[in-house]
Amino acid sequence: MKVEGAYKIEQIFKKGANLQLAKNKVAEVEEKVEQKLYDLLVVANANAGFNNRDIIWYSDMPLTKAMKESMQRFAALEEALELQPILDRLAIHPPLGRDMEAELEKKLPEIVGTLIYSMANIAKEFSTDDKTVSEEELHKAFRVMDMTI
């Protein structure tokens, strides 16, 4: 999966949580982030349906207060992600049945970046040496994200 390049993900871990992420763990992070984005979009798709709309709006995304605060902290890192790789990866998932509005589509890189940022900070909570995220710490972060998103 290539939601974003390895360098960008490593930078978000470093700037956002002061953690080093080994290159061999980047693919796992990308895979989990892709799945969590799709999970959010599945719920947003259902929300659009509940509101009798054929288009998924940004407001349909199930973004909690904490997620929105993390979006602000991610934005402060000034790490820009590319939209096209995200759209390309979403295209391999089962179709949602509705199109996304332009505003939501434009926000996808910010949402993906926030998911990476959040994952890094969750891993930091489990980190024993506060420098390099271990396989175990990363998988704990994955489990937390699976329980909350």
C-alpha atoms as a PDB file:
ATOM      1  CA  MET A   1       0.000   0.000   0.000  1.00  0.00           C
ATOM      2  CA  LYS A   2       1.206   3.468  -0.730  1.00  0.00           C
ATOM      3  CA  VAL A   3      -1.072   5.918   1.042  1.00  0.00           C
ATOM      4  CA  GLU A   4       2.019   7.992   1.627  1.00  0.00           C
ATOM      5  CA  GLY A   5       5.765   7.595   1.303  1.00  0.00           C
ATOM      6  CA  ALA A   6       7.860   6.002   4.026  1.00  0.00           C
ATOM      7  CA  TYR A   7       9.717   9.250   4.655  1.00  0.00           C
ATOM      8  CA  LYS A   8       6.490  11.161   5.396  1.00  0.00           C
ATOM      9  CA  ILE A   9       5.262   8.520   7.818  1.00  0.00           C
ATOM     10  CA  GLU A  10       8.622   8.436   9.583  1.00  0.00           C
ATOM     11  CA  GLN A  11       8.548  12.245   9.821  1.00  0.00           C
ATOM     12  CA  ILE A  12       5.058  12.262  11.345  1.00  0.00           C
ATOM     13  CA  PHE A  13       6.176   9.713  13.966  1.00  0.00           C
ATOM     14  CA  LYS A  14       9.292  11.776  14.664  1.00  0.00           C
ATOM     15  CA  LYS A  15       7.693  15.243  14.723  1.00  0.00           C
ATOM     16  CA  GLY A  16       4.376  14.177  16.232  1.00  0.00           C
ATOM     17  CA  ALA A  17       5.537  11.781  18.958  1.00  0.00           C
ATOM     18  CA  ASN A  18       9.330  12.018  19.002  1.00  0.00           C
ATOM     19  CA  LEU A  19       9.544   8.343  18.016  1.00  0.00           C
ATOM     20  CA  GLN A  20      11.675   6.599  15.440  1.00  0.00           C
ATOM     21  CA  LEU A  21       9.798   4.165  13.207  1.00  0.00           C
ATOM     22  CA  ALA A  22      11.848   1.428  11.586  1.00  0.00           C
ATOM     23  CA  LYS A  23      11.509   1.287   7.803  1.00  0.00           C
ATOM     24  CA  ASN A  24      10.368  -2.337   7.984  1.00  0.00           C
ATOM     25  CA  LYS A  25       7.322  -1.237  10.047  1.00  0.00           C
ATOM     26  CA  VAL A  26       6.141   1.469   7.642  1.00  0.00           C
ATOM     27  CA  ALA A  27       4.111  -0.938   5.483  1.00  0.00           C
ATOM     28  CA  GLU A  28       2.208  -2.144   8.556  1.00  0.00           C
ATOM     29  CA  VAL A  29       1.396   1.437   9.534  1.00  0.00           C
ATOM     30  CA  GLU A  30       0.247   2.208   5.989  1.00  0.00           C
ATOM     31  CA  GLU A  31      -1.984  -0.870   5.928  1.00  0.00           C
ATOM     32  CA  LYS A  32      -3.602  -0.053   9.276  1.00  0.00           C
ATOM     33  CA  VAL A  33      -4.145   3.605   8.342  1.00  0.00           C
ATOM     34  CA  GLU A  34      -5.711   2.615   5.032  1.00  0.00           C
ATOM     35  CA  GLN A  35      -8.097   0.252   6.833  1.00  0.00           C
ATOM     36  CA  LYS A  36      -9.032   2.856   9.460  1.00  0.00           C
ATOM     37  CA  LEU A  37      -9.728   5.459   6.764  1.00  0.00           C
ATOM     38  CA  TYR A  38     -11.956   3.005   4.946  1.00  0.00           C
ATOM     39  CA  ASP A  39     -13.719   2.176   8.250  1.00  0.00           C
ATOM     40  CA  LEU A  40     -14.435   5.880   8.794  1.00  0.00           C
ATOM     41  CA  LEU A  41     -15.767   6.164   5.245  1.00  0.00           C
ATOM     42  CA  VAL A  42     -18.038   3.134   5.718  1.00  0.00           C
ATOM     43  CA  VAL A  43     -19.650   4.847   8.708  1.00  0.00           C
ATOM     44  CA  ALA A  44     -19.811   8.161   6.815  1.00  0.00           C
ATOM     45  CA  ASN A  45     -21.506   6.347   3.931  1.00  0.00           C
ATOM     46  CA  ALA A  46     -24.117   4.965   6.322  1.00  0.00           C
ATOM     47  CA  ASN A  47     -24.615   8.424   7.834  1.00  0.00           C
ATOM     48  CA  ALA A  48     -25.231   9.868   4.366  1.00  0.00           C
ATOM     49  CA  GLY A  49     -27.793   7.129   3.771  1.00  0.00           C
ATOM     50  CA  PHE A  50     -29.558   7.915   7.056  1.00  0.00           C
ATOM     51  CA  ASN A  51     -29.834  11.492   5.821  1.00  0.00           C
ATOM     52  CA  ASN A  52     -31.196  10.402   2.422  1.00  0.00           C
ATOM     53  CA  ARG A  53     -28.224  11.760   0.475  1.00  0.00           C
ATOM     54  CA  ASP A  54     -26.407  10.293  -2.502  1.00  0.00           C
ATOM     55  CA  ILE A  55     -23.213  12.145  -1.578  1.00  0.00           C
ATOM     56  CA  ILE A  56     -20.985  11.590   1.478  1.00  0.00           C
ATOM     57  CA  TRP A  57     -20.358  14.918   3.167  1.00  0.00           C
ATOM     58  CA  TYR A  58     -17.422  15.771   5.402  1.00  0.00           C
ATOM     59  CA  SER A  59     -19.922  16.195   8.234  1.00  0.00           C
ATOM     60  CA  ASP A  60     -20.868  12.510   7.810  1.00  0.00           C
ATOM     61  CA  MET A  61     -17.403  11.441   8.952  1.00  0.00           C
ATOM     62  CA  PRO A  62     -17.509  10.105  12.530  1.00  0.00           C
ATOM     63  CA  LEU A  63     -14.797  12.415  13.827  1.00  0.00           C
ATOM     64  CA  THR A  64     -14.740  12.713  17.587  1.00  0.00           C
ATOM     65  CA  LYS A  65     -13.676  15.799  19.510  1.00  0.00           C
ATOM     66  CA  ALA A  66     -10.339  14.120  20.255  1.00  0.00           C
ATOM     67  CA  MET A  67      -9.819  13.312  16.575  1.00  0.00           C
ATOM     68  CA  LYS A  68     -10.544  16.913  15.602  1.00  0.00           C
ATOM     69  CA  GLU A  69      -8.063  18.128  18.209  1.00  0.00           C
ATOM     70  CA  SER A  70      -5.489  15.697  16.826  1.00  0.00           C
ATOM     71  CA  MET A  71      -6.210  17.081  13.348  1.00  0.00           C
ATOM     72  CA  GLN A  72      -5.242  20.524  14.621  1.00  0.00           C
ATOM     73  CA  ARG A  73      -2.038  19.180  16.177  1.00  0.00           C
ATOM     74  CA  PHE A  74      -1.215  17.306  12.963  1.00  0.00           C
ATOM     75  CA  ALA A  75      -1.797  20.486  10.937  1.00  0.00           C
ATOM     76  CA  ALA A  76       0.685  22.289  13.189  1.00  0.00           C
ATOM     77  CA  LEU A  77       3.377  19.812  12.080  1.00  0.00           C
ATOM     78  CA  GLU A  78       3.100  21.267   8.565  1.00  0.00           C
ATOM     79  CA  GLU A  79       3.446  17.852   6.918  1.00  0.00           C
ATOM     80  CA  ALA A  80       1.459  17.820   3.676  1.00  0.00           C
ATOM     81  CA  LEU A  81       0.264  14.505   2.266  1.00  0.00           C
ATOM     82  CA  GLU A  82      -0.726  13.814  -1.324  1.00  0.00           C
ATOM     83  CA  LEU A  83      -4.366  13.118  -2.199  1.00  0.00           C
ATOM     84  CA  GLN A  84      -3.958  10.923  -5.295  1.00  0.00           C
ATOM     85  CA  PRO A  85      -2.208   7.975  -3.605  1.00  0.00           C
ATOM     86  CA  ILE A  86      -4.977   7.923  -1.003  1.00  0.00           C
ATOM     87  CA  LEU A  87      -7.695   7.870  -3.666  1.00  0.00           C
ATOM     88  CA  ASP A  88      -5.829   5.174  -5.578  1.00  0.00           C
ATOM     89  CA  ARG A  89      -5.724   2.949  -2.500  1.00  0.00           C
ATOM     90  CA  LEU A  90      -9.371   3.531  -1.630  1.00  0.00           C
ATOM     91  CA  ALA A  91     -10.285   2.394  -5.148  1.00  0.00           C
ATOM     92  CA  ILE A  92      -9.223  -1.184  -4.337  1.00  0.00           C
ATOM     93  CA  HIS A  93     -11.765  -1.460  -1.500  1.00  0.00           C
ATOM     94  CA  PRO A  94     -15.393  -2.404  -2.093  1.00  0.00           C
ATOM     95  CA  PRO A  95     -17.308   0.590  -3.448  1.00  0.00           C
ATOM     96  CA  LEU A  96     -19.131   2.632  -0.849  1.00  0.00           C
ATOM     97  CA  GLY A  97     -22.160   3.209  -3.077  1.00  0.00           C
ATOM     98  CA  ARG A  98     -21.955   6.974  -2.797  1.00  0.00           C
ATOM     99  CA  ASP A  99     -19.522   9.571  -4.078  1.00  0.00           C
ATOM    100  CA  MET A 100     -17.651  11.914  -1.775  1.00  0.00           C
ATOM    101  CA  GLU A 101     -18.226  15.638  -1.875  1.00  0.00           C
ATOM    102  CA  ALA A 102     -15.229  17.749  -2.939  1.00  0.00           C
ATOM    103  CA  GLU A 103     -14.690  19.113   0.590  1.00  0.00           C
ATOM    104  CA  LEU A 104     -14.413  15.604   2.044  1.00  0.00           C
ATOM    105  CA  GLU A 105     -12.081  14.497  -0.723  1.00  0.00           C
ATOM    106  CA  LYS A 106      -9.832  17.506  -0.055  1.00  0.00           C
ATOM    107  CA  LYS A 107      -9.759  16.609   3.667  1.00  0.00           C
ATOM    108  CA  LEU A 108      -8.626  13.001   3.122  1.00  0.00           C
ATOM    109  CA  PRO A 109      -4.883  13.788   3.346  1.00  0.00           C
ATOM    110  CA  GLU A 110      -5.491  15.609   6.627  1.00  0.00           C
ATOM    111  CA  ILE A 111      -7.519  12.686   7.969  1.00  0.00           C
ATOM    112  CA  VAL A 112      -4.837  10.180   6.904  1.00  0.00           C
ATOM    113  CA  GLY A 113      -2.137  12.338   8.464  1.00  0.00           C
ATOM    114  CA  THR A 114      -4.150  12.547  11.655  1.00  0.00           C
ATOM    115  CA  LEU A 115      -4.547   8.777  11.760  1.00  0.00           C
ATOM    116  CA  ILE A 116      -0.755   8.395  11.433  1.00  0.00           C
ATOM    117  CA  TYR A 117      -0.217  11.117  14.058  1.00  0.00           C
ATOM    118  CA  SER A 118      -2.689   9.453  16.429  1.00  0.00           C
ATOM    119  CA  MET A 119      -1.110   6.047  15.930  1.00  0.00           C
ATOM    120  CA  ALA A 120       2.311   7.497  16.732  1.00  0.00           C
ATOM    121  CA  ASN A 121       1.030   9.086  19.924  1.00  0.00           C
ATOM    122  CA  ILE A 122      -0.771   5.946  21.028  1.00  0.00           C
ATOM    123  CA  ALA A 123       2.455   3.983  20.459  1.00  0.00           C
ATOM    124  CA  LYS A 124       4.278   6.630  22.494  1.00  0.00           C
ATOM    125  CA  GLU A 125       1.997   5.870  25.449  1.00  0.00           C
ATOM    126  CA  PHE A 126       3.242   2.256  25.370  1.00  0.00           C
ATOM    127  CA  SER A 127       6.857   3.138  24.618  1.00  0.00           C
ATOM    128  CA  THR A 128       9.382   1.950  27.166  1.00  0.00           C
ATOM    129  CA  ASP A 129      12.419   3.804  25.866  1.00  0.00           C
ATOM    130  CA  ASP A 130      10.696   6.865  24.361  1.00  0.00           C
ATOM    131  CA  LYS A 131      12.899   6.685  21.255  1.00  0.00           C
ATOM    132  CA  THR A 132      12.094   3.831  18.891  1.00  0.00           C
ATOM    133  CA  VAL A 133       8.702   2.208  18.615  1.00  0.00           C
ATOM    134  CA  SER A 134       8.913  -1.563  19.017  1.00  0.00           C
ATOM    135  CA  GLU A 135       6.840  -4.153  17.188  1.00  0.00           C
ATOM    136  CA  GLU A 136       4.865  -4.840  20.370  1.00  0.00           C
ATOM    137  CA  GLU A 137       4.184  -1.140  21.016  1.00  0.00           C
ATOM    138  CA  LEU A 138       3.066  -0.641  17.434  1.00  0.00           C
ATOM    139  CA  HIS A 139       0.698  -3.605  17.610  1.00  0.00           C
ATOM    140  CA  LYS A 140      -0.751  -2.289  20.875  1.00  0.00           C
ATOM    141  CA  ALA A 141      -1.402   1.007  19.090  1.00  0.00           C
ATOM    142  CA  PHE A 142      -3.098  -0.926  16.276  1.00  0.00           C
ATOM    143  CA  ARG A 143      -5.372  -2.680  18.792  1.00  0.00           C
ATOM    144  CA  VAL A 144      -6.324   0.619  20.432  1.00  0.00           C
ATOM    145  CA  MET A 145      -7.167   2.097  17.037  1.00  0.00           C
ATOM    146  CA  ASP A 146      -9.239  -1.001  16.190  1.00  0.00           C
ATOM    147  CA  MET A 147     -11.209  -0.528  19.420  1.00  0.00           C
ATOM    148  CA  THR A 148     -11.798   3.182  18.908  1.00  0.00           C
ATOM    149  CA  ILE A 149     -12.112   3.779  15.152  1.00  0.00           C
END
